[in-house]
Every structure is written in C-alpha cells, then in structure tokens.
Amino acid sequence: MTICFSLQAQVDDYQQDIINYLSINGTYEQYSAAYDDMFTVLKKQFETANVPESKWKELKEDKNKSLEEVVRFLSFAYRKHFTQDEIKKMYEVYNSKAAQEMLAKQGTLTRNEDKEVDAFFESDLGKKIVAKRSELSEDIGEISGHWSRDLFAAKMSNLVKSGYIPQR
C-alpha cells in the first residue's frame, strides 16, 4: 500500500490528532535538526561562492512551513498503521512527565519513570508499536527521503538561479 503524498488544504480530526502526537514525541526536533544539517551541507558545497549571510537567512525563512509539511506527510504513515484512538493514547502517554523526561534525558530515567514507560510498552498498544516499528520506519524513511531531497534541490536551485556556483 502506497502512502498518499498529496496534501489536503483542510486537516481532519484524525490527522490533527497525529500532528499533535508528532509535536510532542520529538519529531519536530528531529526534522528541525535535519533541516539545519542540510544547510551545513549546502554551505560546504557553496563555500567558494561567497554567498552572503543574508541569502542563507532568506533560504531558511520557510523552516516552520517545511517542518509542518513533513509532519503532515508523516501523519499519513501513522494513519496507515494506527487507529485514531491508538494515536490519542500515544499522545497521552508521550505527553506524560515520564515520557517527556525519557525524550529529554534520552534514556536516563528515575526508577518510577522507567516503570511507567515499561508498563506502556508491555500494553497491547505498546506491543503493537514495537511490532509495527519496521513497517512504520520504512514508510517514514520513504517520506523523509522525498522531503529532504526536494528541500535540498529547491534550496540548491534557488542558489544557482541567484548566480551562485557550487564547488566542483
């Protein structure tokens, strides 16, 4: 089953629930870092082109829009694998203090926080998340690849059209 890459102007409640979940589970931070890293690569490729800082700033102006776009795309992958009720439960769990600490500390939880996270992953939904991890990762990888390639190409094209030449 292929994921639909067309974006609708209006977001339904199910998709909004997924977007809400992705806004607290570290997805925005992950793609924000990827967006910034892409500019590191671009700057290296245009190192000798003397691109002024004002141009780099201009190119980065659409960051929030780009992040919102990739999250909307990613919502289709989650929709494919999880029901709306499951997404709502995932949001509740990830919105908990223990899960937020897990994300912030990247694994160094207190004993009680660790028990809370373990209890979730031992639940039916937690087991489903683990079981779907590979399929979901594949879908996310496909979406991420399209997003990053399109973003990179658009930024590089903008630079070239503005008269800047990349290194050879």
Protein backbone atom coordinates (compact mmCIF):
# COMPACT_ATOMS: atom_id res chain seq x y z
CA MET A 1 0.00 0.00 0.00
CA THR A 2 1.48 3.31 -1.04
CA ILE A 3 1.29 6.41 1.11
CA CYS A 4 -0.53 9.35 -0.37
CA PHE A 5 1.77 12.33 -0.80
CA SER A 6 -0.88 14.88 -1.70
CA LEU A 7 -1.72 17.37 0.99
CA GLN A 8 -5.24 18.46 1.60
CA ALA A 9 -5.95 22.07 2.47
CA GLN A 10 -8.07 21.04 5.42
CA VAL A 11 -6.85 18.69 8.12
CA ASP A 12 -9.40 16.30 9.63
CA ASP A 13 -9.57 15.47 13.35
CA TYR A 14 -7.71 12.18 12.90
CA GLN A 15 -4.83 13.85 11.09
CA GLN A 16 -4.78 16.67 13.65
CA ASP A 17 -4.51 14.09 16.45
CA ILE A 18 -1.50 12.59 14.68
CA ILE A 19 0.05 16.03 14.18
CA ASN A 20 -0.48 16.74 17.89
CA TYR A 21 1.23 13.47 18.76
CA LEU A 22 4.16 14.19 16.44
CA SER A 23 4.52 17.63 18.02
CA ILE A 24 5.37 16.11 21.41
CA ASN A 25 7.23 12.89 20.56
CA GLY A 26 10.43 14.53 19.29
CA THR A 27 9.55 14.52 15.58
CA TYR A 28 9.71 18.31 15.15
CA GLU A 29 13.08 18.43 16.88
CA GLN A 30 14.41 15.60 14.71
CA TYR A 31 13.35 17.26 11.46
CA SER A 32 14.42 20.69 12.65
CA ALA A 33 17.92 19.29 13.14
CA ALA A 34 17.78 17.63 9.71
CA TYR A 35 16.73 20.94 8.16
CA ASP A 36 19.66 22.72 9.82
CA ASP A 37 22.09 19.93 8.88
CA MET A 38 21.05 20.27 5.24
CA PHE A 39 22.27 23.87 5.33
CA THR A 40 25.62 22.72 6.69
CA VAL A 41 26.00 20.52 3.59
CA LEU A 42 24.81 23.29 1.26
CA LYS A 43 27.19 25.81 2.78
CA LYS A 44 30.10 23.42 2.19
CA GLN A 45 29.07 22.97 -1.44
CA PHE A 46 28.87 26.74 -1.92
CA GLU A 47 31.89 27.55 0.25
CA THR A 48 33.75 29.33 -2.54
CA ALA A 49 30.67 31.08 -3.95
CA ASN A 50 30.74 33.88 -1.36
CA VAL A 51 27.05 33.52 -0.55
CA PRO A 52 26.20 36.35 1.84
CA GLU A 53 24.67 35.56 5.22
CA SER A 54 21.55 37.46 4.18
CA LYS A 55 20.96 34.89 1.40
CA TRP A 56 21.32 31.99 3.84
CA LYS A 57 18.88 33.71 6.16
CA GLU A 58 16.41 34.18 3.29
CA LEU A 59 16.70 30.50 2.35
CA LYS A 60 15.89 29.48 5.92
CA GLU A 61 12.77 31.64 6.20
CA ASP A 62 10.45 28.75 5.31
CA LYS A 63 11.73 26.40 8.03
CA ASN A 64 8.48 26.28 10.00
CA LYS A 65 6.43 25.76 6.85
CA SER A 66 8.76 22.98 5.74
CA LEU A 67 8.56 21.26 9.15
CA GLU A 68 4.78 21.49 9.14
CA GLU A 69 4.76 19.98 5.65
CA VAL A 70 6.89 16.97 6.56
CA VAL A 71 4.80 16.35 9.68
CA ARG A 72 1.64 16.38 7.55
CA PHE A 73 3.28 13.86 5.22
CA LEU A 74 4.36 11.73 8.19
CA SER A 75 0.82 11.75 9.54
CA PHE A 76 -0.19 9.56 6.58
CA ALA A 77 2.29 6.89 7.66
CA TYR A 78 0.93 6.87 11.21
CA ARG A 79 -2.64 6.82 9.91
CA LYS A 80 -1.78 3.72 7.88
CA HIS A 81 -0.65 1.81 10.98
CA PHE A 82 -2.65 3.15 13.94
CA THR A 83 -6.27 3.97 14.69
CA GLN A 84 -7.31 7.38 15.89
CA ASP A 85 -7.93 6.00 19.39
CA GLU A 86 -4.44 4.50 19.43
CA ILE A 87 -2.96 7.82 18.35
CA LYS A 88 -4.85 9.59 21.14
CA LYS A 89 -3.48 7.07 23.66
CA MET A 90 0.04 7.50 22.28
CA TYR A 91 -0.37 11.26 22.68
CA GLU A 92 -1.47 10.82 26.32
CA VAL A 93 1.48 8.57 27.05
CA TYR A 94 4.05 10.79 25.34
CA ASN A 95 2.57 13.85 26.99
CA SER A 96 3.20 12.30 30.43
CA LYS A 97 6.04 13.52 32.61
CA ALA A 98 7.84 10.17 32.33
CA ALA A 99 7.78 10.14 28.54
CA GLN A 100 8.85 13.77 28.30
CA GLU A 101 11.71 13.01 30.69
CA MET A 102 12.60 9.98 28.55
CA LEU A 103 12.78 12.21 25.46
CA ALA A 104 14.68 14.97 27.27
CA LYS A 105 17.13 12.70 29.06
CA GLN A 106 17.41 10.17 26.24
CA GLY A 107 17.13 7.13 28.47
CA THR A 108 18.28 8.23 31.93
CA LEU A 109 15.02 7.93 33.85
CA THR A 110 14.24 7.53 37.50
CA ARG A 111 13.06 4.09 38.60
CA ASN A 112 9.40 5.22 38.69
CA GLU A 113 9.61 6.89 35.28
CA ASP A 114 11.24 3.78 33.87
CA LYS A 115 8.45 1.59 35.28
CA GLU A 116 5.80 3.85 33.75
CA VAL A 117 7.43 3.69 30.31
CA ASP A 118 7.92 -0.09 30.60
CA ALA A 119 4.26 -0.55 31.56
CA PHE A 120 3.19 1.26 28.42
CA PHE A 121 5.41 -0.84 26.16
CA GLU A 122 4.06 -4.00 27.82
CA SER A 123 0.48 -2.92 26.98
CA ASP A 124 -1.30 -4.08 23.81
CA LEU A 125 -0.66 -0.71 22.17
CA GLY A 126 2.99 -0.74 23.22
CA LYS A 127 3.40 -4.20 21.71
CA LYS A 128 1.71 -3.02 18.51
CA ILE A 129 4.10 -0.07 18.30
CA VAL A 130 7.04 -2.44 18.59
CA ALA A 131 5.51 -4.83 16.04
CA LYS A 132 4.85 -2.01 13.56
CA ARG A 133 8.23 -0.34 14.07
CA SER A 134 9.84 -1.83 10.98
CA GLU A 135 6.93 -1.07 8.61
CA LEU A 136 6.47 2.41 10.06
CA SER A 137 10.20 3.11 9.82
CA GLU A 138 10.15 2.10 6.17
CA ASP A 139 7.24 4.46 5.45
CA ILE A 140 8.86 7.26 7.44
CA GLY A 141 12.14 6.69 5.61
CA GLU A 142 10.42 7.00 2.25
CA ILE A 143 8.67 10.21 3.29
CA SER A 144 11.82 11.65 4.85
CA GLY A 145 13.84 10.85 1.76
CA HIS A 146 11.38 12.61 -0.54
CA TRP A 147 11.16 15.60 1.80
CA SER A 148 14.90 16.02 2.22
CA ARG A 149 15.71 15.53 -1.48
CA ASP A 150 13.02 18.01 -2.54
CA LEU A 151 14.12 20.52 0.07
CA PHE A 152 17.79 20.22 -0.86
CA ALA A 153 17.02 20.52 -4.57
CA ALA A 154 14.84 23.59 -4.03
CA LYS A 155 17.48 25.38 -1.94
CA MET A 156 20.29 24.47 -4.33
CA SER A 157 18.20 25.60 -7.29
CA ASN A 158 17.49 28.91 -5.57
CA LEU A 159 21.20 29.47 -5.01
CA VAL A 160 22.12 28.60 -8.60
CA LYS A 161 19.33 30.77 -10.02
CA SER A 162 20.66 33.60 -7.85
CA GLY A 163 24.03 33.26 -9.60
CA TYR A 164 25.99 31.26 -7.01
CA ILE A 165 28.06 28.37 -8.31
CA PRO A 166 28.73 25.28 -6.18
CA GLN A 167 32.23 23.83 -5.83
CA ARG A 168 33.18 21.16 -8.30
